[in-house]
Amino acid sequence: MNVAFIPIAILLVLAASMFIVMRLVSKEVSRQRLSQVEDLGALWKTSFPPKQVLTDKGRRILFWYRVFGLTVIIISGLIGWFFTGFSSSVL
């Protein structure tokens, strides 16, 4: 197996999951929390809605997305390390 495929696969998985999570989280904005914010322009610096204006369900979705992303990155690093260490010991 070519080790160079691992980063490409990670990007594809994380990009697809990011679009799904963005769509889910954008529907979980609390009107009550949004009305308490004074400067709305300072909130949207990224494509995700800020944590301050999300409902509890939206916060859980965002938390689990971050856990998933971190897990995928750690596992891919371990796989890359394993294949790199394995191929160098075989050669």
PDB file of N, CA and C in Angstrom:
ATOM      1  N   MET A   1       0.848  -1.182   0.000  1.00  0.00           N
ATOM      2  CA  MET A   1       0.000   0.000   0.000  1.00  0.00           C
ATOM      3  C   MET A   1       0.891   1.242   0.000  1.00  0.00           C
ATOM      4  N   ASN A   2       0.516   2.208  -0.771  1.00  0.00           N
ATOM      5  CA  ASN A   2       1.260   3.454  -0.858  1.00  0.00           C
ATOM      6  C   ASN A   2       0.885   4.354   0.324  1.00  0.00           C
ATOM      7  N   VAL A   3       1.877   4.758   1.104  1.00  0.00           N
ATOM      8  CA  VAL A   3       1.643   5.568   2.302  1.00  0.00           C
ATOM      9  C   VAL A   3       1.172   6.971   1.937  1.00  0.00           C
ATOM     10  N   ALA A   4       1.469   7.430   0.738  1.00  0.00           N
ATOM     11  CA  ALA A   4       1.068   8.777   0.320  1.00  0.00           C
ATOM     12  C   ALA A   4      -0.435   8.900   0.170  1.00  0.00           C
ATOM     13  N   PHE A   5      -1.149   7.793   0.096  1.00  0.00           N
ATOM     14  CA  PHE A   5      -2.601   7.827  -0.007  1.00  0.00           C
ATOM     15  C   PHE A   5      -3.263   8.227   1.313  1.00  0.00           C
ATOM     16  N   ILE A   6      -2.587   8.013   2.428  1.00  0.00           N
ATOM     17  CA  ILE A   6      -3.176   8.278   3.751  1.00  0.00           C
ATOM     18  C   ILE A   6      -3.571   9.742   3.923  1.00  0.00           C
ATOM     19  N   PRO A   7      -2.718  10.730   3.643  1.00  0.00           N
ATOM     20  CA  PRO A   7      -3.156  12.125   3.804  1.00  0.00           C
ATOM     21  C   PRO A   7      -4.308  12.508   2.884  1.00  0.00           C
ATOM     22  N   ILE A   8      -4.327  11.950   1.690  1.00  0.00           N
ATOM     23  CA  ILE A   8      -5.425  12.244   0.755  1.00  0.00           C
ATOM     24  C   ILE A   8      -6.732  11.675   1.291  1.00  0.00           C
ATOM     25  N   ALA A   9      -6.686  10.463   1.805  1.00  0.00           N
ATOM     26  CA  ALA A   9      -7.884   9.852   2.378  1.00  0.00           C
ATOM     27  C   ALA A   9      -8.375  10.638   3.592  1.00  0.00           C
ATOM     28  N   ILE A  10      -7.453  11.119   4.411  1.00  0.00           N
ATOM     29  CA  ILE A  10      -7.826  11.912   5.589  1.00  0.00           C
ATOM     30  C   ILE A  10      -8.526  13.198   5.164  1.00  0.00           C
ATOM     31  N   LEU A  11      -7.967  13.860   4.163  1.00  0.00           N
ATOM     32  CA  LEU A  11      -8.591  15.091   3.674  1.00  0.00           C
ATOM     33  C   LEU A  11      -9.995  14.839   3.139  1.00  0.00           C
ATOM     34  N   LEU A  12     -10.171  13.760   2.421  1.00  0.00           N
ATOM     35  CA  LEU A  12     -11.497  13.450   1.883  1.00  0.00           C
ATOM     36  C   LEU A  12     -12.509  13.160   2.988  1.00  0.00           C
ATOM     37  N   VAL A  13     -12.094  12.388   3.972  1.00  0.00           N
ATOM     38  CA  VAL A  13     -13.002  12.051   5.083  1.00  0.00           C
ATOM     39  C   VAL A  13     -13.345  13.298   5.893  1.00  0.00           C
ATOM     40  N   LEU A  14     -12.337  14.089   6.244  1.00  0.00           N
ATOM     41  CA  LEU A  14     -12.586  15.275   7.066  1.00  0.00           C
ATOM     42  C   LEU A  14     -13.351  16.352   6.301  1.00  0.00           C
ATOM     43  N   ALA A  15     -13.104  16.497   4.996  1.00  0.00           N
ATOM     44  CA  ALA A  15     -13.833  17.500   4.217  1.00  0.00           C
ATOM     45  C   ALA A  15     -15.306  17.115   4.092  1.00  0.00           C
ATOM     46  N   ALA A  16     -15.572  15.854   3.827  1.00  0.00           N
ATOM     47  CA  ALA A  16     -16.967  15.415   3.719  1.00  0.00           C
ATOM     48  C   ALA A  16     -17.691  15.567   5.055  1.00  0.00           C
ATOM     49  N   SER A  17     -17.035  15.176   6.134  1.00  0.00           N
ATOM     50  CA  SER A  17     -17.678  15.293   7.442  1.00  0.00           C
ATOM     51  C   SER A  17     -17.850  16.752   7.841  1.00  0.00           C
ATOM     52  N   MET A  18     -16.924  17.632   7.423  1.00  0.00           N
ATOM     53  CA  MET A  18     -17.041  19.044   7.756  1.00  0.00           C
ATOM     54  C   MET A  18     -18.287  19.655   7.120  1.00  0.00           C
ATOM     55  N   PHE A  19     -18.564  19.321   5.856  1.00  0.00           N
ATOM     56  CA  PHE A  19     -19.753  19.866   5.210  1.00  0.00           C
ATOM     57  C   PHE A  19     -21.038  19.360   5.863  1.00  0.00           C
ATOM     58  N   ILE A  20     -21.043  18.109   6.261  1.00  0.00           N
ATOM     59  CA  ILE A  20     -22.220  17.550   6.935  1.00  0.00           C
ATOM     60  C   ILE A  20     -22.429  18.234   8.281  1.00  0.00           C
ATOM     61  N   VAL A  21     -21.359  18.394   9.048  1.00  0.00           N
ATOM     62  CA  VAL A  21     -21.459  19.021  10.371  1.00  0.00           C
ATOM     63  C   VAL A  21     -21.829  20.495  10.244  1.00  0.00           C
ATOM     64  N   MET A  22     -21.270  21.197   9.259  1.00  0.00           N
ATOM     65  CA  MET A  22     -21.632  22.602   9.060  1.00  0.00           C
ATOM     66  C   MET A  22     -23.123  22.736   8.793  1.00  0.00           C
ATOM     67  N   ARG A  23     -23.664  21.847   8.003  1.00  0.00           N
ATOM     68  CA  ARG A  23     -25.092  21.890   7.699  1.00  0.00           C
ATOM     69  C   ARG A  23     -25.944  21.604   8.939  1.00  0.00           C
ATOM     70  N   LEU A  24     -25.522  20.634   9.737  1.00  0.00           N
ATOM     71  CA  LEU A  24     -26.259  20.309  10.958  1.00  0.00           C
ATOM     72  C   LEU A  24     -26.176  21.429  11.990  1.00  0.00           C
ATOM     73  N   VAL A  25     -24.986  21.976  12.186  1.00  0.00           N
ATOM     74  CA  VAL A  25     -24.773  22.990  13.220  1.00  0.00           C
ATOM     75  C   VAL A  25     -25.433  24.309  12.833  1.00  0.00           C
ATOM     76  N   SER A  26     -25.492  24.612  11.551  1.00  0.00           N
ATOM     77  CA  SER A  26     -26.100  25.884  11.148  1.00  0.00           C
ATOM     78  C   SER A  26     -27.592  25.932  11.472  1.00  0.00           C
ATOM     79  N   LYS A  27     -28.199  24.773  11.654  1.00  0.00           N
ATOM     80  CA  LYS A  27     -29.619  24.723  12.028  1.00  0.00           C
ATOM     81  C   LYS A  27     -29.818  24.790  13.540  1.00  0.00           C
ATOM     82  N   GLU A  28     -28.744  24.798  14.296  1.00  0.00           N
ATOM     83  CA  GLU A  28     -28.819  24.767  15.757  1.00  0.00           C
ATOM     84  C   GLU A  28     -28.384  26.083  16.398  1.00  0.00           C
ATOM     85  N   VAL A  29     -28.727  27.198  15.806  1.00  0.00           N
ATOM     86  CA  VAL A  29     -28.401  28.507  16.375  1.00  0.00           C
ATOM     87  C   VAL A  29     -29.574  28.946  17.255  1.00  0.00           C
ATOM     88  N   SER A  30     -29.275  29.315  18.483  1.00  0.00           N
ATOM     89  CA  SER A  30     -30.295  29.729  19.437  1.00  0.00           C
ATOM     90  C   SER A  30     -30.611  31.215  19.245  1.00  0.00           C
ATOM     91  N   ARG A  31     -31.864  31.526  19.015  1.00  0.00           N
ATOM     92  CA  ARG A  31     -32.262  32.927  18.844  1.00  0.00           C
ATOM     93  C   ARG A  31     -32.084  33.712  20.141  1.00  0.00           C
ATOM     94  N   GLN A  32     -32.322  33.046  21.246  1.00  0.00           N
ATOM     95  CA  GLN A  32     -32.184  33.715  22.539  1.00  0.00           C
ATOM     96  C   GLN A  32     -30.723  34.087  22.798  1.00  0.00           C
ATOM     97  N   ARG A  33     -29.813  33.168  22.556  1.00  0.00           N
ATOM     98  CA  ARG A  33     -28.393  33.459  22.764  1.00  0.00           C
ATOM     99  C   ARG A  33     -27.879  34.449  21.730  1.00  0.00           C
ATOM    100  N   LEU A  34     -28.425  34.415  20.535  1.00  0.00           N
ATOM    101  CA  LEU A  34     -28.005  35.331  19.483  1.00  0.00           C
ATOM    102  C   LEU A  34     -28.433  36.755  19.806  1.00  0.00           C
ATOM    103  N   SER A  35     -29.599  36.917  20.433  1.00  0.00           N
ATOM    104  CA  SER A  35     -30.065  38.258  20.770  1.00  0.00           C
ATOM    105  C   SER A  35     -29.263  38.888  21.910  1.00  0.00           C
ATOM    106  N   GLN A  36     -28.550  38.070  22.686  1.00  0.00           N
ATOM    107  CA  GLN A  36     -27.752  38.595  23.793  1.00  0.00           C
ATOM    108  C   GLN A  36     -26.378  39.097  23.340  1.00  0.00           C
ATOM    109  N   VAL A  37     -25.992  38.769  22.117  1.00  0.00           N
ATOM    110  CA  VAL A  37     -24.681  39.182  21.604  1.00  0.00           C
ATOM    111  C   VAL A  37     -24.783  40.607  21.083  1.00  0.00           C
ATOM    112  N   GLU A  38     -23.817  41.449  21.450  1.00  0.00           N
ATOM    113  CA  GLU A  38     -23.852  42.849  21.030  1.00  0.00           C
ATOM    114  C   GLU A  38     -23.243  43.060  19.645  1.00  0.00           C
ATOM    115  N   ASP A  39     -22.074  42.474  19.382  1.00  0.00           N
ATOM    116  CA  ASP A  39     -21.393  42.665  18.107  1.00  0.00           C
ATOM    117  C   ASP A  39     -21.443  41.376  17.299  1.00  0.00           C
ATOM    118  N   LEU A  40     -22.401  41.280  16.389  1.00  0.00           N
ATOM    119  CA  LEU A  40     -22.567  40.060  15.609  1.00  0.00           C
ATOM    120  C   LEU A  40     -21.443  39.868  14.597  1.00  0.00           C
ATOM    121  N   GLY A  41     -20.837  40.947  14.146  1.00  0.00           N
ATOM    122  CA  GLY A  41     -19.756  40.841  13.166  1.00  0.00           C
ATOM    123  C   GLY A  41     -18.529  40.139  13.719  1.00  0.00           C
ATOM    124  N   ALA A  42     -18.326  40.211  15.018  1.00  0.00           N
ATOM    125  CA  ALA A  42     -17.157  39.580  15.632  1.00  0.00           C
ATOM    126  C   ALA A  42     -17.339  38.078  15.789  1.00  0.00           C
ATOM    127  N   LEU A  43     -18.561  37.599  15.672  1.00  0.00           N
ATOM    128  CA  LEU A  43     -18.814  36.180  15.903  1.00  0.00           C
ATOM    129  C   LEU A  43     -18.408  35.302  14.734  1.00  0.00           C
ATOM    130  N   TRP A  44     -18.799  35.668  13.515  1.00  0.00           N
ATOM    131  CA  TRP A  44     -18.610  34.789  12.373  1.00  0.00           C
ATOM    132  C   TRP A  44     -17.283  35.056  11.680  1.00  0.00           C
ATOM    133  N   LYS A  45     -16.211  34.549  12.270  1.00  0.00           N
ATOM    134  CA  LYS A  45     -14.894  34.653  11.654  1.00  0.00           C
ATOM    135  C   LYS A  45     -14.557  33.376  10.896  1.00  0.00           C
ATOM    136  N   THR A  46     -15.302  32.305  11.172  1.00  0.00           N
ATOM    137  CA  THR A  46     -15.127  31.038  10.474  1.00  0.00           C
ATOM    138  C   THR A  46     -16.463  30.646   9.854  1.00  0.00           C
ATOM    139  N   SER A  47     -16.466  29.544   9.144  1.00  0.00           N
ATOM    140  CA  SER A  47     -17.704  29.108   8.502  1.00  0.00           C
ATOM    141  C   SER A  47     -18.660  28.432   9.484  1.00  0.00           C
ATOM    142  N   PHE A  48     -18.137  27.945  10.611  1.00  0.00           N
ATOM    143  CA  PHE A  48     -18.997  27.360  11.628  1.00  0.00           C
ATOM    144  C   PHE A  48     -19.620  28.461  12.473  1.00  0.00           C
ATOM    145  N   PRO A  49     -20.869  28.295  12.899  1.00  0.00           N
ATOM    146  CA  PRO A  49     -21.426  29.263  13.850  1.00  0.00           C
ATOM    147  C   PRO A  49     -20.640  29.193  15.159  1.00  0.00           C
ATOM    148  N   PRO A  50     -20.456  30.311  15.834  1.00  0.00           N
ATOM    149  CA  PRO A  50     -19.678  30.294  17.079  1.00  0.00           C
ATOM    150  C   PRO A  50     -20.393  29.521  18.177  1.00  0.00           C
ATOM    151  N   LYS A  51     -19.608  29.005  19.087  1.00  0.00           N
ATOM    152  CA  LYS A  51     -20.127  28.179  20.168  1.00  0.00           C
ATOM    153  C   LYS A  51     -21.065  28.957  21.084  1.00  0.00           C
ATOM    154  N   GLN A  52     -20.877  30.277  21.187  1.00  0.00           N
ATOM    155  CA  GLN A  52     -21.684  31.093  22.093  1.00  0.00           C
ATOM    156  C   GLN A  52     -23.152  31.133  21.697  1.00  0.00           C
ATOM    157  N   VAL A  53     -23.471  30.961  20.427  1.00  0.00           N
ATOM    158  CA  VAL A  53     -24.857  31.103  19.979  1.00  0.00           C
ATOM    159  C   VAL A  53     -25.509  29.770  19.633  1.00  0.00           C
ATOM    160  N   LEU A  54     -24.818  28.651  19.875  1.00  0.00           N
ATOM    161  CA  LEU A  54     -25.384  27.348  19.551  1.00  0.00           C
ATOM    162  C   LEU A  54     -26.270  26.831  20.672  1.00  0.00           C
ATOM    163  N   THR A  55     -27.237  26.014  20.285  1.00  0.00           N
ATOM    164  CA  THR A  55     -28.048  25.315  21.272  1.00  0.00           C
ATOM    165  C   THR A  55     -27.207  24.201  21.877  1.00  0.00           C
ATOM    166  N   ASP A  56     -27.750  23.541  22.886  1.00  0.00           N
ATOM    167  CA  ASP A  56     -27.013  22.449  23.520  1.00  0.00           C
ATOM    168  C   ASP A  56     -26.764  21.311  22.531  1.00  0.00           C
ATOM    169  N   LYS A  57     -27.724  21.034  21.683  1.00  0.00           N
ATOM    170  CA  LYS A  57     -27.553  19.998  20.664  1.00  0.00           C
ATOM    171  C   LYS A  57     -26.452  20.386  19.674  1.00  0.00           C
ATOM    172  N   GLY A  58     -26.407  21.635  19.289  1.00  0.00           N
ATOM    173  CA  GLY A  58     -25.367  22.122  18.391  1.00  0.00           C
ATOM    174  C   GLY A  58     -23.984  22.028  19.006  1.00  0.00           C
ATOM    175  N   ARG A  59     -23.893  22.311  20.294  1.00  0.00           N
ATOM    176  CA  ARG A  59     -22.611  22.199  20.988  1.00  0.00           C
ATOM    177  C   ARG A  59     -22.149  20.750  21.054  1.00  0.00           C
ATOM    178  N   ARG A  60     -23.100  19.831  21.274  1.00  0.00           N
ATOM    179  CA  ARG A  60     -22.731  18.412  21.291  1.00  0.00           C
ATOM    180  C   ARG A  60     -22.256  17.951  19.920  1.00  0.00           C
ATOM    181  N   ILE A  61     -22.942  18.393  18.871  1.00  0.00           N
ATOM    182  CA  ILE A  61     -22.535  18.027  17.509  1.00  0.00           C
ATOM    183  C   ILE A  61     -21.136  18.541  17.230  1.00  0.00           C
ATOM    184  N   LEU A  62     -20.847  19.777  17.586  1.00  0.00           N
ATOM    185  CA  LEU A  62     -19.532  20.369  17.359  1.00  0.00           C
ATOM    186  C   LEU A  62     -18.454  19.662  18.175  1.00  0.00           C
ATOM    187  N   PHE A  63     -18.780  19.302  19.416  1.00  0.00           N
ATOM    188  CA  PHE A  63     -17.831  18.584  20.266  1.00  0.00           C
ATOM    189  C   PHE A  63     -17.469  17.239  19.654  1.00  0.00           C
ATOM    190  N   TRP A  64     -18.492  16.476  19.233  1.00  0.00           N
ATOM    191  CA  TRP A  64     -18.224  15.154  18.671  1.00  0.00           C
ATOM    192  C   TRP A  64     -17.528  15.240  17.323  1.00  0.00           C
ATOM    193  N   TYR A  65     -17.753  16.310  16.571  1.00  0.00           N
ATOM    194  CA  TYR A  65     -17.018  16.500  15.325  1.00  0.00           C
ATOM    195  C   TYR A  65     -15.540  16.726  15.614  1.00  0.00           C
ATOM    196  N   ARG A  66     -15.249  17.519  16.616  1.00  0.00           N
ATOM    197  CA  ARG A  66     -13.849  17.758  16.977  1.00  0.00           C
ATOM    198  C   ARG A  66     -13.184  16.488  17.493  1.00  0.00           C
ATOM    199  N   VAL A  67     -13.914  15.701  18.287  1.00  0.00           N
ATOM    200  CA  VAL A  67     -13.375  14.420  18.756  1.00  0.00           C
ATOM    201  C   VAL A  67     -13.111  13.503  17.574  1.00  0.00           C
ATOM    202  N   PHE A  68     -14.047  13.424  16.628  1.00  0.00           N
ATOM    203  CA  PHE A  68     -13.890  12.596  15.435  1.00  0.00           C
ATOM    204  C   PHE A  68     -12.687  13.046  14.612  1.00  0.00           C
ATOM    205  N   GLY A  69     -12.560  14.345  14.384  1.00  0.00           N
ATOM    206  CA  GLY A  69     -11.449  14.857  13.598  1.00  0.00           C
ATOM    207  C   GLY A  69     -10.107  14.566  14.243  1.00  0.00           C
ATOM    208  N   LEU A  70     -10.026  14.781  15.543  1.00  0.00           N
ATOM    209  CA  LEU A  70      -8.788  14.512  16.266  1.00  0.00           C
ATOM    210  C   LEU A  70      -8.455  13.023  16.245  1.00  0.00           C
ATOM    211  N   THR A  71      -9.466  12.180  16.392  1.00  0.00           N
ATOM    212  CA  THR A  71      -9.254  10.734  16.349  1.00  0.00           C
ATOM    213  C   THR A  71      -8.746  10.289  14.984  1.00  0.00           C
ATOM    214  N   VAL A  72      -9.350  10.816  13.924  1.00  0.00           N
ATOM    215  CA  VAL A  72      -8.919  10.457  12.573  1.00  0.00           C
ATOM    216  C   VAL A  72      -7.478  10.889  12.339  1.00  0.00           C
ATOM    217  N   ILE A  73      -7.115  12.070  12.793  1.00  0.00           N
ATOM    218  CA  ILE A  73      -5.748  12.562  12.603  1.00  0.00           C
ATOM    219  C   ILE A  73      -4.748  11.718  13.392  1.00  0.00           C
ATOM    220  N   ILE A  74      -5.081  11.363  14.626  1.00  0.00           N
ATOM    221  CA  ILE A  74      -4.179  10.548  15.444  1.00  0.00           C
ATOM    222  C   ILE A  74      -4.019   9.157  14.847  1.00  0.00           C
ATOM    223  N   ILE A  75      -5.127   8.548  14.436  1.00  0.00           N
ATOM    224  CA  ILE A  75      -5.053   7.213  13.842  1.00  0.00           C
ATOM    225  C   ILE A  75      -4.258   7.236  12.547  1.00  0.00           C
ATOM    226  N   SER A  76      -4.465   8.248  11.737  1.00  0.00           N
ATOM    227  CA  SER A  76      -3.711   8.318  10.489  1.00  0.00           C
ATOM    228  C   SER A  76      -2.223   8.529  10.753  1.00  0.00           C
ATOM    229  N   GLY A  77      -1.896   9.304  11.767  1.00  0.00           N
ATOM    230  CA  GLY A  77      -0.491   9.467  12.133  1.00  0.00           C
ATOM    231  C   GLY A  77       0.133   8.166  12.583  1.00  0.00           C
ATOM    232  N   LEU A  78      -0.616   7.404  13.376  1.00  0.00           N
ATOM    233  CA  LEU A  78      -0.115   6.105  13.819  1.00  0.00           C
ATOM    234  C   LEU A  78       0.046   5.137  12.658  1.00  0.00           C
ATOM    235  N   ILE A  79      -0.911   5.149  11.737  1.00  0.00           N
ATOM    236  CA  ILE A  79      -0.808   4.280  10.565  1.00  0.00           C
ATOM    237  C   ILE A  79       0.386   4.679   9.708  1.00  0.00           C
ATOM    238  N   GLY A  80       0.553   5.974   9.487  1.00  0.00           N
ATOM    239  CA  GLY A  80       1.703   6.439   8.723  1.00  0.00           C
ATOM    240  C   GLY A  80       3.012   6.088   9.397  1.00  0.00           C
ATOM    241  N   TRP A  81       3.065   6.238  10.714  1.00  0.00           N
ATOM    242  CA  TRP A  81       4.267   5.889  11.465  1.00  0.00           C
ATOM    243  C   TRP A  81       4.540   4.390  11.376  1.00  0.00           C
ATOM    244  N   PHE A  82       3.472   3.589  11.471  1.00  0.00           N
ATOM    245  CA  PHE A  82       3.625   2.139  11.390  1.00  0.00           C
ATOM    246  C   PHE A  82       4.152   1.723  10.025  1.00  0.00           C
ATOM    247  N   PHE A  83       3.556   2.254   8.956  1.00  0.00           N
ATOM    248  CA  PHE A  83       4.000   1.867   7.622  1.00  0.00           C
ATOM    249  C   PHE A  83       5.397   2.395   7.323  1.00  0.00           C
ATOM    250  N   THR A  84       5.724   3.573   7.818  1.00  0.00           N
ATOM    251  CA  THR A  84       7.061   4.115   7.605  1.00  0.00           C
ATOM    252  C   THR A  84       8.094   3.287   8.365  1.00  0.00           C
ATOM    253  N   GLY A  85       7.785   2.951   9.601  1.00  0.00           N
ATOM    254  CA  GLY A  85       8.698   2.124  10.391  1.00  0.00           C
ATOM    255  C   GLY A  85       8.807   0.723   9.830  1.00  0.00           C
ATOM    256  N   PHE A  86       7.714   0.173   9.327  1.00  0.00           N
ATOM    257  CA  PHE A  86       7.708  -1.170   8.774  1.00  0.00           C
ATOM    258  C   PHE A  86       8.482  -1.230   7.467  1.00  0.00           C
ATOM    259  N   SER A  87       8.288  -0.223   6.599  1.00  0.00           N
ATOM    260  CA  SER A  87       8.966  -0.253   5.307  1.00  0.00           C
ATOM    261  C   SER A  87      10.457   0.009   5.461  1.00  0.00           C
ATOM    262  N   SER A  88      10.868   0.819   6.440  1.00  0.00           N
ATOM    263  CA  SER A  88      12.292   1.073   6.618  1.00  0.00           C
ATOM    264  C   SER A  88      12.992  -0.137   7.235  1.00  0.00           C
ATOM    265  N   SER A  89      12.278  -0.925   8.052  1.00  0.00           N
ATOM    266  CA  SER A  89      12.906  -2.112   8.642  1.00  0.00           C
ATOM    267  C   SER A  89      12.984  -3.244   7.621  1.00  0.00           C
ATOM    268  N   VAL A  90      12.080  -3.255   6.649  1.00  0.00           N
ATOM    269  CA  VAL A  90      12.091  -4.301   5.632  1.00  0.00           C
ATOM    270  C   VAL A  90      13.211  -4.041   4.629  1.00  0.00           C
ATOM    271  N   LEU A  91      13.435  -2.757   4.309  1.00  0.00           N
ATOM    272  CA  LEU A  91      14.476  -2.422   3.339  1.00  0.00           C
ATOM    273  C   LEU A  91      15.802  -2.621   3.999  1.00  0.00           C
TER     274      LEU A  91
END
